[in-house]
Amino acid sequence: MNKSANKSKLSVIILNYNTDNFLQKCLQSILKSRLRDRVQIIVTDNASSDNSFNIAQKNLPSNPKISTEFLKLTRNIGFSAGNNKGLKLVNSSSSYVLFLNPDTTLPPTTLQKMINFFDQRSSVDAATCKIILAKTGRLQPECHRGFPTPWRAFCHFSGLAKLFPQSKTFSGYFLGHLNKNKTHPIEACLGAFLMIKKKVGEGIGWWNEKYFFYGEDLDLCYQLKKNNYKLFFYPHCHITHFQGISSGIIKESRTISTANRQTRIKAARASTQAMRIFYQDHLLDQYSPPVQKLVLLAINLLQKLRVFKAKYL
């Protein structure tokens, strides 16, 4: 493990929780990066019960441009709070912070391309890249999305968006009208790969710890927009995402997830609780009481469905 005191331009925070050997694969891919700038990696472990954190520490290749830090937490405090703990180890010299899921792998050029993108465009406050799903080879829709207003959510869950996938009116949930092969501003993205200027993150207070698991990335993106910061989709590099390894509620990765039944149920509840918190904090007061009640009813029904699937499917 390289614990060099060299200054870094980018700090990468990886929050781990029971990811089996995926964390090790993630770190190995990062340490193969071709870099001009120095990078700091911070791995924070949310009290995993498997051996993923220890294995990753012991099997770490070296890269002269990369330093590493490891932080083991004594209990699982959730995604937001866990990432906020990792932020305390960020090198004072870093200009940028990247939040990266442990169930991802990166090509050797991705980190430097992202650093260059920020360096060359002062208007970029935060950004994501193309996130490719390992199971399908397709773009993960959530990496390029709009805020879930009641109309957008209705079009998405009713299937209207699939009928009009490139319509701004009907496919705003995933901003289907925008060209995903061109660089452009977006409203929201995934926390699986979210890079942000350190001073911008400090300005908005980083992650909202109301959110335990799910929804925290949407809230952070909303804070960016609320404070007039710009979030970009940069399609000229990518990562691969083995989605849902920790939660076990994503259909595409259910067979390889390490999550037990209890974890799946907890994740299902957390995913809809996150929706409830987001609507109550940011959107509900923009709508009439009947619409408010309808939205909350829909969230309650979705929670029952997801918990049922987590228990029995």
Protein backbone atom coordinates (compact mmCIF):
# COMPACT_ATOMS: atom_id res chain seq x y z
CA MET A 1 0.00 0.00 0.00
CA ASN A 2 1.34 3.37 -1.04
CA LYS A 3 0.80 5.95 1.69
CA SER A 4 2.80 8.65 0.01
CA ALA A 5 2.37 12.16 1.36
CA ASN A 6 2.52 13.58 -2.18
CA LYS A 7 -0.07 16.17 -3.05
CA SER A 8 -3.03 15.03 -5.14
CA LYS A 9 -5.33 16.79 -7.58
CA LEU A 10 -8.17 14.29 -7.24
CA SER A 11 -9.40 12.31 -4.21
CA VAL A 12 -11.50 9.21 -4.94
CA ILE A 13 -13.82 8.07 -2.15
CA ILE A 14 -15.07 4.48 -2.30
CA LEU A 15 -17.63 3.41 0.30
CA ASN A 16 -17.65 -0.36 0.74
CA TYR A 17 -20.27 -2.65 2.24
CA ASN A 18 -20.17 -6.43 1.74
CA THR A 19 -19.12 -6.37 -1.91
CA ASP A 20 -17.17 -9.65 -1.87
CA ASN A 21 -14.36 -9.41 -4.45
CA PHE A 22 -15.85 -6.47 -6.34
CA LEU A 23 -13.97 -3.92 -4.21
CA GLN A 24 -10.67 -5.61 -5.03
CA LYS A 25 -11.48 -5.57 -8.76
CA CYS A 26 -12.43 -1.89 -8.54
CA LEU A 27 -9.17 -0.92 -6.84
CA GLN A 28 -7.10 -2.99 -9.25
CA SER A 29 -8.71 -1.23 -12.20
CA ILE A 30 -8.02 2.20 -10.67
CA LEU A 31 -4.40 1.34 -9.96
CA LYS A 32 -3.92 0.52 -13.65
CA SER A 33 -4.87 4.10 -14.52
CA ARG A 34 -2.60 6.08 -16.82
CA LEU A 35 -2.23 9.36 -14.99
CA ARG A 36 -0.45 12.66 -15.38
CA ASP A 37 -1.87 14.07 -12.13
CA ARG A 38 -1.64 12.52 -8.69
CA VAL A 39 -4.68 10.79 -7.23
CA GLN A 40 -5.61 9.85 -3.67
CA ILE A 41 -7.87 6.85 -3.00
CA ILE A 42 -9.87 6.68 0.23
CA VAL A 43 -11.65 3.40 0.95
CA THR A 44 -14.20 3.65 3.76
CA ASP A 45 -15.82 0.45 4.98
CA ASN A 46 -19.33 0.56 6.46
CA ALA A 47 -18.73 -2.29 8.95
CA SER A 48 -18.87 -5.07 6.37
CA SER A 49 -19.48 -8.56 7.70
CA ASP A 50 -17.63 -10.21 4.82
CA ASN A 51 -13.88 -10.06 4.21
CA SER A 52 -13.97 -7.68 1.24
CA PHE A 53 -12.23 -4.78 2.99
CA ASN A 54 -9.35 -6.87 4.39
CA ILE A 55 -8.77 -8.73 1.13
CA ALA A 56 -8.61 -5.48 -0.82
CA GLN A 57 -6.05 -4.03 1.59
CA LYS A 58 -3.77 -7.05 1.31
CA ASN A 59 -3.87 -7.39 -2.48
CA LEU A 60 -3.21 -3.86 -3.62
CA PRO A 61 -0.94 -3.28 -6.63
CA SER A 62 1.19 -0.14 -6.69
CA ASN A 63 0.99 2.95 -8.86
CA PRO A 64 3.49 5.81 -8.33
CA LYS A 65 0.78 8.38 -9.09
CA ILE A 66 -1.69 7.00 -6.53
CA SER A 67 -1.74 7.05 -2.72
CA THR A 68 -4.24 5.06 -0.67
CA GLU A 69 -6.03 5.44 2.67
CA PHE A 70 -8.28 2.91 4.42
CA LEU A 71 -10.90 3.68 7.06
CA LYS A 72 -12.90 0.97 8.86
CA LEU A 73 -16.13 2.12 10.55
CA THR A 74 -17.52 0.26 13.56
CA ARG A 75 -21.11 0.22 12.31
CA ASN A 76 -23.06 0.69 9.11
CA ILE A 77 -24.03 4.36 9.11
CA GLY A 78 -25.41 4.48 5.57
CA PHE A 79 -24.25 5.88 2.25
CA SER A 80 -24.38 9.60 3.02
CA ALA A 81 -22.79 9.47 6.46
CA GLY A 82 -20.20 6.92 5.31
CA ASN A 83 -19.08 9.13 2.44
CA ASN A 84 -18.98 12.15 4.74
CA LYS A 85 -16.61 10.19 7.02
CA GLY A 86 -14.35 9.49 4.04
CA LEU A 87 -14.28 13.19 3.19
CA LYS A 88 -12.41 13.88 6.43
CA LEU A 89 -9.36 12.13 4.92
CA VAL A 90 -9.33 14.11 1.68
CA ASN A 91 -5.95 15.62 0.87
CA SER A 92 -5.96 19.40 1.38
CA SER A 93 -4.32 19.81 -2.03
CA SER A 94 -7.11 18.04 -3.95
CA SER A 95 -9.17 20.24 -6.24
CA TYR A 96 -11.72 17.54 -7.02
CA VAL A 97 -13.47 14.69 -5.24
CA LEU A 98 -14.88 11.64 -6.99
CA PHE A 99 -17.45 9.41 -5.30
CA LEU A 100 -17.20 5.93 -6.77
CA ASN A 101 -19.09 2.71 -6.06
CA PRO A 102 -17.02 -0.36 -5.20
CA ASP A 103 -18.98 -2.49 -7.68
CA THR A 104 -17.45 -0.66 -10.64
CA THR A 105 -14.37 -0.97 -12.84
CA LEU A 106 -12.61 1.81 -14.73
CA PRO A 107 -10.65 1.81 -17.99
CA PRO A 108 -7.09 3.19 -17.58
CA THR A 109 -7.94 6.56 -19.17
CA THR A 110 -11.15 7.49 -17.34
CA LEU A 111 -9.71 9.33 -14.32
CA GLN A 112 -7.29 11.50 -16.28
CA LYS A 113 -9.94 12.34 -18.89
CA MET A 114 -12.28 13.51 -16.13
CA ILE A 115 -9.55 15.60 -14.50
CA ASN A 116 -8.77 17.18 -17.89
CA PHE A 117 -12.46 17.93 -18.45
CA PHE A 118 -12.66 19.86 -15.18
CA ASP A 119 -9.33 21.60 -15.75
CA GLN A 120 -10.25 22.77 -19.25
CA ARG A 121 -13.80 24.00 -18.54
CA SER A 122 -14.17 26.35 -15.61
CA SER A 123 -17.98 26.19 -15.87
CA VAL A 124 -17.96 22.54 -14.75
CA ASP A 125 -18.84 22.28 -11.06
CA ALA A 126 -19.72 18.59 -11.05
CA ALA A 127 -19.87 15.82 -13.64
CA THR A 128 -20.47 12.18 -14.39
CA CYS A 129 -19.45 9.97 -17.30
CA LYS A 130 -21.13 7.14 -19.17
CA ILE A 131 -22.01 4.35 -16.74
CA ILE A 132 -22.29 1.04 -18.57
CA LEU A 133 -24.17 -1.85 -16.97
CA ALA A 134 -22.04 -4.98 -16.81
CA LYS A 135 -25.03 -7.26 -17.34
CA THR A 136 -26.35 -5.66 -20.54
CA GLY A 137 -23.55 -3.48 -21.89
CA ARG A 138 -26.03 -0.61 -22.08
CA LEU A 139 -25.99 2.84 -20.56
CA GLN A 140 -27.46 2.90 -17.05
CA PRO A 141 -30.39 5.33 -17.41
CA GLU A 142 -29.99 6.80 -13.92
CA CYS A 143 -26.62 8.36 -14.81
CA HIS A 144 -28.46 10.83 -17.07
CA ARG A 145 -31.69 11.95 -15.49
CA GLY A 146 -34.03 14.76 -14.58
CA PHE A 147 -35.63 15.48 -11.24
CA PRO A 148 -38.65 13.22 -10.59
CA THR A 149 -41.56 15.64 -10.73
CA PRO A 150 -44.99 13.99 -10.41
CA TRP A 151 -45.54 14.24 -14.19
CA ARG A 152 -42.16 12.75 -15.05
CA ALA A 153 -42.61 9.97 -12.49
CA PHE A 154 -46.07 9.18 -13.86
CA CYS A 155 -44.75 8.97 -17.44
CA HIS A 156 -41.88 6.75 -16.32
CA PHE A 157 -43.81 4.27 -14.16
CA SER A 158 -46.85 4.15 -16.46
CA GLY A 159 -44.74 3.28 -19.51
CA LEU A 160 -45.54 6.47 -21.45
CA ALA A 161 -41.84 7.32 -21.58
CA LYS A 162 -41.09 4.04 -23.39
CA LEU A 163 -43.64 4.94 -26.07
CA PHE A 164 -42.00 8.33 -26.62
CA PRO A 165 -38.36 7.78 -25.59
CA GLN A 166 -37.00 10.96 -27.22
CA SER A 167 -39.81 13.28 -26.16
CA LYS A 168 -38.98 16.12 -23.79
CA THR A 169 -42.59 16.05 -22.60
CA PHE A 170 -42.86 12.34 -21.84
CA SER A 171 -39.27 11.19 -21.19
CA GLY A 172 -38.02 13.89 -18.84
CA TYR A 173 -37.35 11.31 -16.10
CA PHE A 174 -34.19 10.24 -17.96
CA LEU A 175 -33.87 13.33 -20.21
CA GLY A 176 -34.45 11.19 -23.29
CA HIS A 177 -34.50 14.19 -25.63
CA LEU A 178 -30.77 14.90 -25.06
CA ASN A 179 -27.99 13.34 -27.16
CA LYS A 180 -26.04 11.00 -24.90
CA ASN A 181 -23.00 11.14 -27.17
CA LYS A 182 -22.48 14.86 -26.57
CA THR A 183 -21.35 16.79 -23.50
CA HIS A 184 -24.18 18.77 -21.90
CA PRO A 185 -25.63 19.86 -18.55
CA ILE A 186 -28.05 17.47 -16.80
CA GLU A 187 -30.18 17.77 -13.70
CA ALA A 188 -29.10 14.66 -11.81
CA CYS A 189 -26.92 11.57 -11.93
CA LEU A 190 -25.90 8.51 -9.91
CA GLY A 191 -23.71 8.54 -6.84
CA ALA A 192 -21.94 5.54 -8.38
CA PHE A 193 -19.71 8.01 -10.25
CA LEU A 194 -20.06 11.64 -9.23
CA MET A 195 -17.11 14.02 -9.47
CA ILE A 196 -17.33 17.46 -7.91
CA LYS A 197 -15.11 20.44 -7.23
CA LYS A 198 -14.10 20.26 -3.59
CA LYS A 199 -14.98 23.89 -2.91
CA VAL A 200 -18.43 23.33 -4.44
CA GLY A 201 -19.07 20.26 -2.28
CA GLU A 202 -17.99 22.18 0.80
CA GLY A 203 -20.33 25.00 -0.19
CA ILE A 204 -23.43 22.78 -0.32
CA GLY A 205 -22.46 20.72 2.74
CA TRP A 206 -21.73 17.47 0.89
CA TRP A 207 -24.14 14.55 1.56
CA ASN A 208 -27.47 14.92 3.36
CA GLU A 209 -27.48 12.34 6.16
CA LYS A 210 -31.29 12.15 6.22
CA TYR A 211 -30.79 9.58 3.49
CA PHE A 212 -29.48 6.19 4.61
CA PHE A 213 -29.42 4.34 1.30
CA TYR A 214 -30.77 5.62 -2.06
CA GLY A 215 -31.87 9.16 -2.92
CA GLU A 216 -28.82 10.89 -1.48
CA ASP A 217 -27.35 11.45 -4.96
CA LEU A 218 -30.61 13.02 -6.16
CA ASP A 219 -30.64 15.31 -3.13
CA LEU A 220 -27.03 16.36 -3.69
CA CYS A 221 -27.76 17.12 -7.36
CA TYR A 222 -30.78 19.17 -6.30
CA GLN A 223 -28.56 21.18 -3.96
CA LEU A 224 -26.19 21.83 -6.87
CA LYS A 225 -29.04 23.19 -9.00
CA LYS A 226 -30.51 25.17 -6.10
CA ASN A 227 -27.16 26.92 -5.62
CA ASN A 228 -26.71 27.59 -9.35
CA TYR A 229 -23.91 25.07 -9.86
CA LYS A 230 -23.65 23.15 -13.14
CA LEU A 231 -23.65 19.35 -13.37
CA PHE A 232 -22.45 17.89 -16.68
CA PHE A 233 -22.77 14.58 -18.49
CA TYR A 234 -19.40 13.83 -20.10
CA PRO A 235 -19.74 10.90 -22.55
CA HIS A 236 -16.12 10.63 -23.71
CA CYS A 237 -15.12 8.15 -21.03
CA HIS A 238 -16.97 5.47 -19.09
CA ILE A 239 -17.03 3.02 -16.21
CA THR A 240 -18.63 -0.42 -15.88
CA HIS A 241 -21.18 -0.90 -13.09
CA PHE A 242 -22.18 -4.21 -11.49
CA GLN A 243 -25.34 -2.57 -10.17
CA GLY A 244 -27.00 -3.57 -6.89
CA ILE A 245 -24.31 -5.79 -5.36
CA SER A 246 -24.84 -4.48 -1.81
CA SER A 247 -28.62 -4.08 -1.90
CA GLY A 248 -29.73 -7.20 -3.75
CA ILE A 249 -32.92 -5.57 -5.05
CA ILE A 250 -31.78 -4.90 -8.63
CA LYS A 251 -33.08 -7.62 -10.96
CA GLU A 252 -30.01 -7.62 -13.23
CA SER A 253 -27.56 -8.36 -10.40
CA ARG A 254 -29.72 -10.41 -8.02
CA THR A 255 -27.90 -13.66 -8.83
CA ILE A 256 -24.46 -12.23 -7.98
CA SER A 257 -25.44 -9.98 -5.07
CA THR A 258 -24.11 -10.85 -1.62
CA ALA A 259 -27.15 -9.32 0.15
CA ASN A 260 -29.24 -11.56 2.41
CA ARG A 261 -33.04 -11.40 2.72
CA GLN A 262 -32.95 -8.93 5.61
CA THR A 263 -30.65 -6.58 3.69
CA ARG A 264 -32.87 -6.78 0.60
CA ILE A 265 -35.96 -5.83 2.62
CA LYS A 266 -34.13 -2.95 4.31
CA ALA A 267 -32.89 -1.68 0.94
CA ALA A 268 -36.38 -1.91 -0.58
CA ARG A 269 -37.82 0.21 2.23
CA ALA A 270 -34.92 2.67 2.05
CA SER A 271 -35.36 3.18 -1.69
CA THR A 272 -38.95 4.36 -1.31
CA GLN A 273 -38.29 6.23 1.93
CA ALA A 274 -35.72 8.20 -0.05
CA MET A 275 -38.44 9.14 -2.57
CA ARG A 276 -40.68 10.27 0.28
CA ILE A 277 -37.99 12.45 1.85
CA PHE A 278 -37.04 14.02 -1.49
CA TYR A 279 -40.64 14.92 -2.37
CA GLN A 280 -41.41 16.28 1.05
CA ASP A 281 -38.25 18.39 1.20
CA HIS A 282 -38.09 19.69 -2.37
CA LEU A 283 -41.22 19.20 -4.49
CA LEU A 284 -44.49 18.74 -2.62
CA ASP A 285 -45.05 22.40 -1.75
CA GLN A 286 -45.07 23.18 -5.49
CA TYR A 287 -48.29 21.20 -5.97
CA SER A 288 -51.90 21.27 -4.79
CA PRO A 289 -53.02 19.12 -1.81
CA PRO A 290 -54.75 16.51 -4.05
CA VAL A 291 -51.54 16.03 -6.06
CA GLN A 292 -49.51 15.82 -2.86
CA LYS A 293 -51.76 13.06 -1.50
CA LEU A 294 -51.65 11.18 -4.80
CA VAL A 295 -47.84 11.27 -4.91
CA LEU A 296 -47.49 9.99 -1.35
CA LEU A 297 -50.07 7.26 -2.01
CA ALA A 298 -48.11 6.14 -5.07
CA ILE A 299 -44.88 6.00 -3.06
CA ASN A 300 -46.60 3.92 -0.34
CA LEU A 301 -47.88 1.45 -2.94
CA LEU A 302 -44.47 1.22 -4.60
CA GLN A 303 -42.88 0.50 -1.22
CA LYS A 304 -45.27 -2.38 -0.57
CA LEU A 305 -44.50 -3.83 -4.00
CA ARG A 306 -40.74 -3.56 -3.58
CA VAL A 307 -40.77 -5.05 -0.09
CA PHE A 308 -42.92 -7.94 -1.36
CA LYS A 309 -40.41 -8.64 -4.13
CA ALA A 310 -37.51 -8.43 -1.68
CA LYS A 311 -39.19 -10.96 0.61
CA TYR A 312 -40.49 -13.49 -1.86
CA LEU A 313 -38.93 -13.09 -5.34
